[in-house]
PDB file of N, CA and C in Angstrom:
ATOM      1  N   ALA A   1       0.989  -1.199  -0.117  1.00  0.00           N
ATOM      2  CA  ALA A   1      -0.084   0.319   0.045  1.00  0.00           C
ATOM      3  C   ALA A   1       1.043   1.358   0.383  1.00  0.00           C
ATOM      4  N   ARG A   2       0.229   1.916  -0.867  1.00  0.00           N
ATOM      5  CA  ARG A   2       1.429   3.642  -1.094  1.00  0.00           C
ATOM      6  C   ARG A   2       0.657   4.383  -0.130  1.00  0.00           C
ATOM      7  N   CYS A   3       0.956   5.384   0.501  1.00  0.00           N
ATOM      8  CA  CYS A   3       0.761   6.281   1.733  1.00  0.00           C
ATOM      9  C   CYS A   3       1.123   7.699   1.087  1.00  0.00           C
ATOM     10  N   LYS A   4       0.232   8.483   0.314  1.00  0.00           N
ATOM     11  CA  LYS A   4       0.527   9.958  -0.379  1.00  0.00           C
ATOM     12  C   LYS A   4      -0.184  10.605   0.908  1.00  0.00           C
ATOM     13  N   LYS A   5       0.235  12.148   1.090  1.00  0.00           N
ATOM     14  CA  LYS A   5      -0.114  12.982   2.187  1.00  0.00           C
ATOM     15  C   LYS A   5      -0.286  14.706   1.747  1.00  0.00           C
ATOM     16  N   THR A   6      -1.387  15.103   1.993  1.00  0.00           N
ATOM     17  CA  THR A   6      -1.443  16.385   1.573  1.00  0.00           C
ATOM     18  C   THR A   6      -1.263  17.521   2.698  1.00  0.00           C
ATOM     19  N   LYS A   7      -0.716  19.226   2.462  1.00  0.00           N
ATOM     20  CA  LYS A   7      -0.494  20.064   3.897  1.00  0.00           C
ATOM     21  C   LYS A   7      -1.656  19.885   4.379  1.00  0.00           C
ATOM     22  N   TYR A   8      -1.486  20.621   5.573  1.00  0.00           N
ATOM     23  CA  TYR A   8      -2.667  20.798   6.369  1.00  0.00           C
ATOM     24  C   TYR A   8      -3.248  22.394   5.919  1.00  0.00           C
ATOM     25  N   ILE A   9      -4.158  22.628   6.532  1.00  0.00           N
ATOM     26  CA  ILE A   9      -4.698  23.589   6.078  1.00  0.00           C
ATOM     27  C   ILE A   9      -5.293  24.789   7.258  1.00  0.00           C
ATOM     28  N   GLU A  10      -5.234  25.078   8.291  1.00  0.00           N
ATOM     29  CA  GLU A  10      -4.770  26.365   8.937  1.00  0.00           C
ATOM     30  C   GLU A  10      -6.441  26.771   9.021  1.00  0.00           C
ATOM     31  N   GLU A  11      -6.635  26.838  10.209  1.00  0.00           N
ATOM     32  CA  GLU A  11      -7.730  28.021  10.387  1.00  0.00           C
ATOM     33  C   GLU A  11      -9.870  27.965   9.722  1.00  0.00           C
ATOM     34  N   ASN A  12      -9.756  26.852   9.145  1.00  0.00           N
ATOM     35  CA  ASN A  12     -10.283  26.497   8.129  1.00  0.00           C
ATOM     36  C   ASN A  12     -11.449  24.920   8.348  1.00  0.00           C
ATOM     37  N   LEU A  13     -12.704  25.086   8.512  1.00  0.00           N
ATOM     38  CA  LEU A  13     -13.708  24.403   8.867  1.00  0.00           C
ATOM     39  C   LEU A  13     -13.895  23.565   7.468  1.00  0.00           C
ATOM     40  N   ASN A  14     -14.421  24.238   6.212  1.00  0.00           N
ATOM     41  CA  ASN A  14     -14.382  23.394   5.405  1.00  0.00           C
ATOM     42  C   ASN A  14     -13.131  23.491   4.312  1.00  0.00           C
ATOM     43  N   PRO A  15     -12.255  22.843   4.512  1.00  0.00           N
ATOM     44  CA  PRO A  15     -11.071  23.082   3.536  1.00  0.00           C
ATOM     45  C   PRO A  15     -11.348  22.221   2.426  1.00  0.00           C
ATOM     46  N   GLU A  16     -10.774  22.841   1.514  1.00  0.00           N
ATOM     47  CA  GLU A  16     -10.593  22.311   0.068  1.00  0.00           C
ATOM     48  C   GLU A  16      -8.903  21.998  -0.261  1.00  0.00           C
ATOM     49  N   TRP A  17      -8.927  21.065  -1.138  1.00  0.00           N
ATOM     50  CA  TRP A  17      -6.790  20.624  -1.287  1.00  0.00           C
ATOM     51  C   TRP A  17      -6.874  20.844  -2.453  1.00  0.00           C
ATOM     52  N   ASN A  18      -8.097  20.284  -3.527  1.00  0.00           N
ATOM     53  CA  ASN A  18      -7.946  20.492  -4.910  1.00  0.00           C
ATOM     54  C   ASN A  18      -6.464  19.409  -5.449  1.00  0.00           C
ATOM     55  N   LYS A  19      -6.219  18.497  -4.997  1.00  0.00           N
ATOM     56  CA  LYS A  19      -4.723  17.817  -4.923  1.00  0.00           C
ATOM     57  C   LYS A  19      -4.928  16.576  -5.759  1.00  0.00           C
ATOM     58  N   GLU A  20      -4.067  16.322  -6.622  1.00  0.00           N
ATOM     59  CA  GLU A  20      -3.808  14.989  -7.090  1.00  0.00           C
ATOM     60  C   GLU A  20      -2.762  14.385  -6.786  1.00  0.00           C
ATOM     61  N   PHE A  21      -3.394  13.245  -7.035  1.00  0.00           N
ATOM     62  CA  PHE A  21      -2.078  11.824  -6.834  1.00  0.00           C
ATOM     63  C   PHE A  21      -2.410  10.844  -7.910  1.00  0.00           C
ATOM     64  N   SER A  22      -1.477  10.402  -8.527  1.00  0.00           N
ATOM     65  CA  SER A  22      -1.405   8.497  -9.063  1.00  0.00           C
ATOM     66  C   SER A  22      -0.980   7.556  -8.259  1.00  0.00           C
ATOM     67  N   PHE A  23      -1.358   6.278  -8.454  1.00  0.00           N
ATOM     68  CA  PHE A  23      -1.073   5.461  -7.982  1.00  0.00           C
ATOM     69  C   PHE A  23      -1.153   4.275  -8.768  1.00  0.00           C
ATOM     70  N   LEU A  24      -0.511   3.425  -8.527  1.00  0.00           N
ATOM     71  CA  LEU A  24      -0.367   2.451  -9.436  1.00  0.00           C
ATOM     72  C   LEU A  24      -1.639   1.422  -9.150  1.00  0.00           C
ATOM     73  N   VAL A  25      -2.931   0.464 -10.420  1.00  0.00           N
ATOM     74  CA  VAL A  25      -3.512   0.165  -9.605  1.00  0.00           C
ATOM     75  C   VAL A  25      -3.361  -1.077 -10.538  1.00  0.00           C
ATOM     76  N   GLU A  26      -3.360  -2.420  -9.824  1.00  0.00           N
ATOM     77  CA  GLU A  26      -3.217  -3.859 -10.324  1.00  0.00           C
ATOM     78  C   GLU A  26      -4.522  -4.130 -11.030  1.00  0.00           C
ATOM     79  N   SER A  27      -5.846  -3.821 -10.237  1.00  0.00           N
ATOM     80  CA  SER A  27      -7.318  -4.464 -10.028  1.00  0.00           C
ATOM     81  C   SER A  27      -8.478  -3.710  -9.589  1.00  0.00           C
ATOM     82  N   LEU A  28      -8.688  -3.502 -10.639  1.00  0.00           N
ATOM     83  CA  LEU A  28     -10.384  -2.447 -10.267  1.00  0.00           C
ATOM     84  C   LEU A  28     -11.015  -2.699  -8.823  1.00  0.00           C
ATOM     85  N   THR A  29     -10.659  -4.217  -8.381  1.00  0.00           N
ATOM     86  CA  THR A  29     -11.125  -4.614  -7.381  1.00  0.00           C
ATOM     87  C   THR A  29     -10.631  -4.234  -6.195  1.00  0.00           C
ATOM     88  N   GLN A  30      -9.471  -3.273  -6.090  1.00  0.00           N
ATOM     89  CA  GLN A  30      -9.234  -2.781  -5.143  1.00  0.00           C
ATOM     90  C   GLN A  30      -9.844  -1.421  -4.616  1.00  0.00           C
ATOM     91  N   GLU A  31      -9.359  -0.721  -3.219  1.00  0.00           N
ATOM     92  CA  GLU A  31      -9.891   0.343  -3.158  1.00  0.00           C
ATOM     93  C   GLU A  31      -9.416   1.247  -2.504  1.00  0.00           C
ATOM     94  N   LEU A  32      -9.302   2.069  -2.625  1.00  0.00           N
ATOM     95  CA  LEU A  32      -8.440   3.786  -2.435  1.00  0.00           C
ATOM     96  C   LEU A  32      -9.061   4.152  -0.771  1.00  0.00           C
ATOM     97  N   VAL A  33      -8.455   4.132  -0.305  1.00  0.00           N
ATOM     98  CA  VAL A  33      -8.830   4.843   1.644  1.00  0.00           C
ATOM     99  C   VAL A  33      -7.750   5.780   1.748  1.00  0.00           C
ATOM    100  N   VAL A  34      -8.734   6.505   1.774  1.00  0.00           N
ATOM    101  CA  VAL A  34      -8.775   8.328   2.316  1.00  0.00           C
ATOM    102  C   VAL A  34      -8.942   8.716   3.722  1.00  0.00           C
ATOM    103  N   ASN A  35      -7.703   8.690   4.702  1.00  0.00           N
ATOM    104  CA  ASN A  35      -8.193   8.682   6.132  1.00  0.00           C
ATOM    105  C   ASN A  35      -7.330  10.469   6.365  1.00  0.00           C
ATOM    106  N   VAL A  36      -8.962  11.161   6.832  1.00  0.00           N
ATOM    107  CA  VAL A  36      -8.541  12.851   6.801  1.00  0.00           C
ATOM    108  C   VAL A  36      -8.162  12.503   8.551  1.00  0.00           C
ATOM    109  N   PHE A  37      -6.814  13.501   9.006  1.00  0.00           N
ATOM    110  CA  PHE A  37      -6.978  13.968  10.517  1.00  0.00           C
ATOM    111  C   PHE A  37      -6.740  15.580  10.580  1.00  0.00           C
ATOM    112  N   ASP A  38      -7.222  15.672  11.757  1.00  0.00           N
ATOM    113  CA  ASP A  38      -6.505  17.080  11.945  1.00  0.00           C
ATOM    114  C   ASP A  38      -4.910  17.385  12.209  1.00  0.00           C
ATOM    115  N   HIS A  39      -5.181  18.715  12.391  1.00  0.00           N
ATOM    116  CA  HIS A  39      -3.440  18.809  13.010  1.00  0.00           C
ATOM    117  C   HIS A  39      -3.672  19.236  13.888  1.00  0.00           C
ATOM    118  N   ASP A  40      -2.490  18.712  14.936  1.00  0.00           N
ATOM    119  CA  ASP A  40      -2.554  19.362  16.685  1.00  0.00           C
ATOM    120  C   ASP A  40      -1.412  19.537  16.536  1.00  0.00           C
ATOM    121  N   HIS A  41      -0.465  20.961  16.950  1.00  0.00           N
ATOM    122  CA  HIS A  41       0.654  21.972  17.052  1.00  0.00           C
ATOM    123  C   HIS A  41       1.101  20.460  18.845  1.00  0.00           C
ATOM    124  N   VAL A  42       0.860  20.015  19.065  1.00  0.00           N
ATOM    125  CA  VAL A  42       1.493  19.344  20.419  1.00  0.00           C
ATOM    126  C   VAL A  42       0.673  17.790  20.376  1.00  0.00           C
ATOM    127  N   GLY A  43       1.274  16.628  20.743  1.00  0.00           N
ATOM    128  CA  GLY A  43       0.347  15.469  20.538  1.00  0.00           C
ATOM    129  C   GLY A  43       0.259  14.780  19.097  1.00  0.00           C
ATOM    130  N   SER A  44      -0.014  13.732  19.216  1.00  0.00           N
ATOM    131  CA  SER A  44      -0.232  13.416  17.891  1.00  0.00           C
ATOM    132  C   SER A  44      -2.285  13.808  17.373  1.00  0.00           C
ATOM    133  N   ASP A  45      -2.123  13.622  15.396  1.00  0.00           N
ATOM    134  CA  ASP A  45      -2.959  14.458  15.161  1.00  0.00           C
ATOM    135  C   ASP A  45      -3.862  13.358  14.916  1.00  0.00           C
ATOM    136  N   ASP A  46      -4.888  13.629  15.083  1.00  0.00           N
ATOM    137  CA  ASP A  46      -6.811  12.959  15.562  1.00  0.00           C
ATOM    138  C   ASP A  46      -7.417  12.167  14.526  1.00  0.00           C
ATOM    139  N   LEU A  47      -8.157  11.165  14.034  1.00  0.00           N
ATOM    140  CA  LEU A  47      -8.590  10.544  12.594  1.00  0.00           C
ATOM    141  C   LEU A  47      -9.956  11.410  12.939  1.00  0.00           C
ATOM    142  N   MET A  48     -10.613  12.393  11.703  1.00  0.00           N
ATOM    143  CA  MET A  48     -11.493  12.773  11.772  1.00  0.00           C
ATOM    144  C   MET A  48     -12.303  12.040  11.173  1.00  0.00           C
ATOM    145  N   GLY A  49     -12.298  11.205  10.002  1.00  0.00           N
ATOM    146  CA  GLY A  49     -13.044  10.021   9.181  1.00  0.00           C
ATOM    147  C   GLY A  49     -11.874   9.387   8.052  1.00  0.00           C
ATOM    148  N   THR A  50     -12.871   8.645   7.312  1.00  0.00           N
ATOM    149  CA  THR A  50     -12.192   7.520   6.889  1.00  0.00           C
ATOM    150  C   THR A  50     -13.309   7.472   5.452  1.00  0.00           C
ATOM    151  N   ILE A  51     -12.898   7.834   4.203  1.00  0.00           N
ATOM    152  CA  ILE A  51     -13.361   7.265   2.884  1.00  0.00           C
ATOM    153  C   ILE A  51     -13.214   6.454   2.408  1.00  0.00           C
ATOM    154  N   VAL A  52     -13.987   5.173   2.149  1.00  0.00           N
ATOM    155  CA  VAL A  52     -13.273   3.822   1.227  1.00  0.00           C
ATOM    156  C   VAL A  52     -13.877   4.042  -0.051  1.00  0.00           C
ATOM    157  N   ILE A  53     -13.669   4.048  -1.403  1.00  0.00           N
ATOM    158  CA  ILE A  53     -13.562   4.366  -2.789  1.00  0.00           C
ATOM    159  C   ILE A  53     -13.348   2.777  -3.286  1.00  0.00           C
ATOM    160  N   PRO A  54     -14.601   2.465  -3.687  1.00  0.00           N
ATOM    161  CA  PRO A  54     -14.060   1.416  -4.967  1.00  0.00           C
ATOM    162  C   PRO A  54     -13.351   2.180  -5.988  1.00  0.00           C
ATOM    163  N   LEU A  55     -12.373   1.107  -6.556  1.00  0.00           N
ATOM    164  CA  LEU A  55     -11.785   1.685  -7.843  1.00  0.00           C
ATOM    165  C   LEU A  55     -12.910   1.720  -9.181  1.00  0.00           C
ATOM    166  N   GLU A  56     -13.913   0.604  -8.392  1.00  0.00           N
ATOM    167  CA  GLU A  56     -15.201   0.450 -10.054  1.00  0.00           C
ATOM    168  C   GLU A  56     -15.474   1.464 -10.041  1.00  0.00           C
ATOM    169  N   ALA A  57     -15.563   2.573  -9.321  1.00  0.00           N
ATOM    170  CA  ALA A  57     -16.072   3.553  -9.321  1.00  0.00           C
ATOM    171  C   ALA A  57     -15.653   4.851  -9.975  1.00  0.00           C
ATOM    172  N   LEU A  58     -13.925   4.386 -10.135  1.00  0.00           N
ATOM    173  CA  LEU A  58     -13.468   5.579 -10.379  1.00  0.00           C
ATOM    174  C   LEU A  58     -13.139   5.103 -11.999  1.00  0.00           C
ATOM    175  N   GLU A  59     -13.490   4.136 -12.725  1.00  0.00           N
ATOM    176  CA  GLU A  59     -13.654   3.739 -14.291  1.00  0.00           C
ATOM    177  C   GLU A  59     -13.561   4.841 -15.195  1.00  0.00           C
ATOM    178  N   THR A  60     -14.579   5.991 -15.093  1.00  0.00           N
ATOM    179  CA  THR A  60     -15.043   6.725 -16.667  1.00  0.00           C
ATOM    180  C   THR A  60     -13.780   7.944 -16.036  1.00  0.00           C
ATOM    181  N   ASP A  61     -13.845   9.245 -17.132  1.00  0.00           N
ATOM    182  CA  ASP A  61     -13.340  10.109 -16.991  1.00  0.00           C
ATOM    183  C   ASP A  61     -14.460  11.227 -16.383  1.00  0.00           C
ATOM    184  N   ASP A  62     -15.231  10.738 -16.458  1.00  0.00           N
ATOM    185  CA  ASP A  62     -16.535  11.554 -16.085  1.00  0.00           C
ATOM    186  C   ASP A  62     -17.204  11.324 -14.491  1.00  0.00           C
ATOM    187  N   ILE A  63     -16.122  11.754 -12.927  1.00  0.00           N
ATOM    188  CA  ILE A  63     -16.452  11.472 -11.974  1.00  0.00           C
ATOM    189  C   ILE A  63     -17.239  12.539 -11.380  1.00  0.00           C
ATOM    190  N   VAL A  64     -18.379  11.907 -11.428  1.00  0.00           N
ATOM    191  CA  VAL A  64     -19.521  13.037 -10.814  1.00  0.00           C
ATOM    192  C   VAL A  64     -19.652  12.360  -9.348  1.00  0.00           C
ATOM    193  N   ASP A  65     -19.066  11.397  -9.010  1.00  0.00           N
ATOM    194  CA  ASP A  65     -19.734  10.720  -7.315  1.00  0.00           C
ATOM    195  C   ASP A  65     -19.189  11.901  -6.442  1.00  0.00           C
ATOM    196  N   TRP A  66     -19.939  11.391  -5.717  1.00  0.00           N
ATOM    197  CA  TRP A  66     -19.626  12.020  -3.939  1.00  0.00           C
ATOM    198  C   TRP A  66     -19.475  10.743  -3.153  1.00  0.00           C
ATOM    199  N   PHE A  67     -18.322  10.723  -2.185  1.00  0.00           N
ATOM    200  CA  PHE A  67     -18.261   9.563  -1.692  1.00  0.00           C
ATOM    201  C   PHE A  67     -18.248  10.134   0.110  1.00  0.00           C
ATOM    202  N   GLU A  68     -18.804   9.992   0.853  1.00  0.00           N
ATOM    203  CA  GLU A  68     -19.345  10.057   2.434  1.00  0.00           C
ATOM    204  C   GLU A  68     -18.025   9.908   3.303  1.00  0.00           C
ATOM    205  N   MET A  69     -17.735  10.630   3.991  1.00  0.00           N
ATOM    206  CA  MET A  69     -16.935  10.203   5.437  1.00  0.00           C
ATOM    207  C   MET A  69     -17.437   9.619   6.284  1.00  0.00           C
ATOM    208  N   LYS A  70     -16.511   8.845   6.914  1.00  0.00           N
ATOM    209  CA  LYS A  70     -17.190   8.264   8.381  1.00  0.00           C
ATOM    210  C   LYS A  70     -16.239   7.746   9.335  1.00  0.00           C
ATOM    211  N   SER A  71     -16.878   7.566  10.200  1.00  0.00           N
ATOM    212  CA  SER A  71     -16.343   7.538  11.395  1.00  0.00           C
ATOM    213  C   SER A  71     -15.641   5.871  11.770  1.00  0.00           C
ATOM    214  N   GLU A  72     -14.758   5.925  12.493  1.00  0.00           N
ATOM    215  CA  GLU A  72     -14.216   5.117  13.203  1.00  0.00           C
ATOM    216  C   GLU A  72     -15.509   3.817  13.344  1.00  0.00           C
ATOM    217  N   ASP A  73     -16.931   4.208  13.894  1.00  0.00           N
ATOM    218  CA  ASP A  73     -17.519   3.446  13.715  1.00  0.00           C
ATOM    219  C   ASP A  73     -18.444   3.054  12.648  1.00  0.00           C
ATOM    220  N   ASP A  74     -18.475   3.517  11.799  1.00  0.00           N
ATOM    221  CA  ASP A  74     -18.468   3.461  10.456  1.00  0.00           C
ATOM    222  C   ASP A  74     -20.080   4.037  10.449  1.00  0.00           C
ATOM    223  N   ASP A  75     -20.164   4.978  10.839  1.00  0.00           N
ATOM    224  CA  ASP A  75     -21.326   6.331  10.982  1.00  0.00           C
ATOM    225  C   ASP A  75     -20.561   7.178   9.759  1.00  0.00           C
ATOM    226  N   VAL A  76     -21.789   7.891   8.981  1.00  0.00           N
ATOM    227  CA  VAL A  76     -21.609   9.063   8.218  1.00  0.00           C
ATOM    228  C   VAL A  76     -21.681  10.279   9.048  1.00  0.00           C
ATOM    229  N   ILE A  77     -19.901  11.138   8.318  1.00  0.00           N
ATOM    230  CA  ILE A  77     -19.953  12.110   9.627  1.00  0.00           C
ATOM    231  C   ILE A  77     -20.682  13.580   9.161  1.00  0.00           C
ATOM    232  N   ILE A  78     -21.156  14.078  10.290  1.00  0.00           N
ATOM    233  CA  ILE A  78     -21.831  15.118   9.971  1.00  0.00           C
ATOM    234  C   ILE A  78     -21.125  16.585  10.262  1.00  0.00           C
ATOM    235  N   GLY A  79     -21.027  17.416   9.383  1.00  0.00           N
ATOM    236  CA  GLY A  79     -20.534  18.516   9.574  1.00  0.00           C
ATOM    237  C   GLY A  79     -21.184  19.475  10.513  1.00  0.00           C
ATOM    238  N   GLU A  80     -20.494  20.502  10.541  1.00  0.00           N
ATOM    239  CA  GLU A  80     -21.466  21.835  11.362  1.00  0.00           C
ATOM    240  C   GLU A  80     -22.151  22.437  10.750  1.00  0.00           C
ATOM    241  N   ASN A  81     -22.109  21.966   9.688  1.00  0.00           N
ATOM    242  CA  ASN A  81     -23.397  22.846   8.568  1.00  0.00           C
ATOM    243  C   ASN A  81     -24.714  21.875   8.681  1.00  0.00           C
ATOM    244  N   GLY A  82     -24.278  20.825   9.212  1.00  0.00           N
ATOM    245  CA  GLY A  82     -25.685  19.969   9.314  1.00  0.00           C
ATOM    246  C   GLY A  82     -25.273  18.979   8.050  1.00  0.00           C
ATOM    247  N   LYS A  83     -24.339  18.837   6.942  1.00  0.00           N
ATOM    248  CA  LYS A  83     -24.486  18.602   6.074  1.00  0.00           C
ATOM    249  C   LYS A  83     -23.279  17.167   6.257  1.00  0.00           C
ATOM    250  N   ASN A  84     -23.711  16.072   5.376  1.00  0.00           N
ATOM    251  CA  ASN A  84     -22.388  14.758   5.151  1.00  0.00           C
ATOM    252  C   ASN A  84     -21.598  15.587   4.661  1.00  0.00           C
ATOM    253  N   SER A  85     -19.853  14.913   5.332  1.00  0.00           N
ATOM    254  CA  SER A  85     -18.642  15.584   5.093  1.00  0.00           C
ATOM    255  C   SER A  85     -18.501  14.468   3.782  1.00  0.00           C
ATOM    256  N   ARG A  86     -17.954  14.900   2.885  1.00  0.00           N
ATOM    257  CA  ARG A  86     -17.687  14.006   1.942  1.00  0.00           C
ATOM    258  C   ARG A  86     -16.949  14.809   1.090  1.00  0.00           C
ATOM    259  N   VAL A  87     -16.501  13.554  -0.083  1.00  0.00           N
ATOM    260  CA  VAL A  87     -14.889  13.302  -0.734  1.00  0.00           C
ATOM    261  C   VAL A  87     -15.288  13.422  -2.614  1.00  0.00           C
ATOM    262  N   LYS A  88     -15.031  14.435  -3.179  1.00  0.00           N
ATOM    263  CA  LYS A  88     -15.057  14.277  -4.182  1.00  0.00           C
ATOM    264  C   LYS A  88     -14.019  14.171  -5.186  1.00  0.00           C
TER     265      LYS A  88
END
């Protein structure tokens, strides 16, 4: 498994990274797992949620799906605005 990391965005409750990564894919049956952490200046960063994206869902050039972020308990995470936290 390869790991990629973005920089953190300070003082923003709705960050947008607009970052692209490339990965070698051996099979479309694999999943892309995205873990989202907060950034702590002291101590370790806390896991905020996880997005699991089946690579089959990314087969087309026209990706229109949003993927919901879930907690460690597999509950959909709701943002402060009352909407589901999600990634596109």
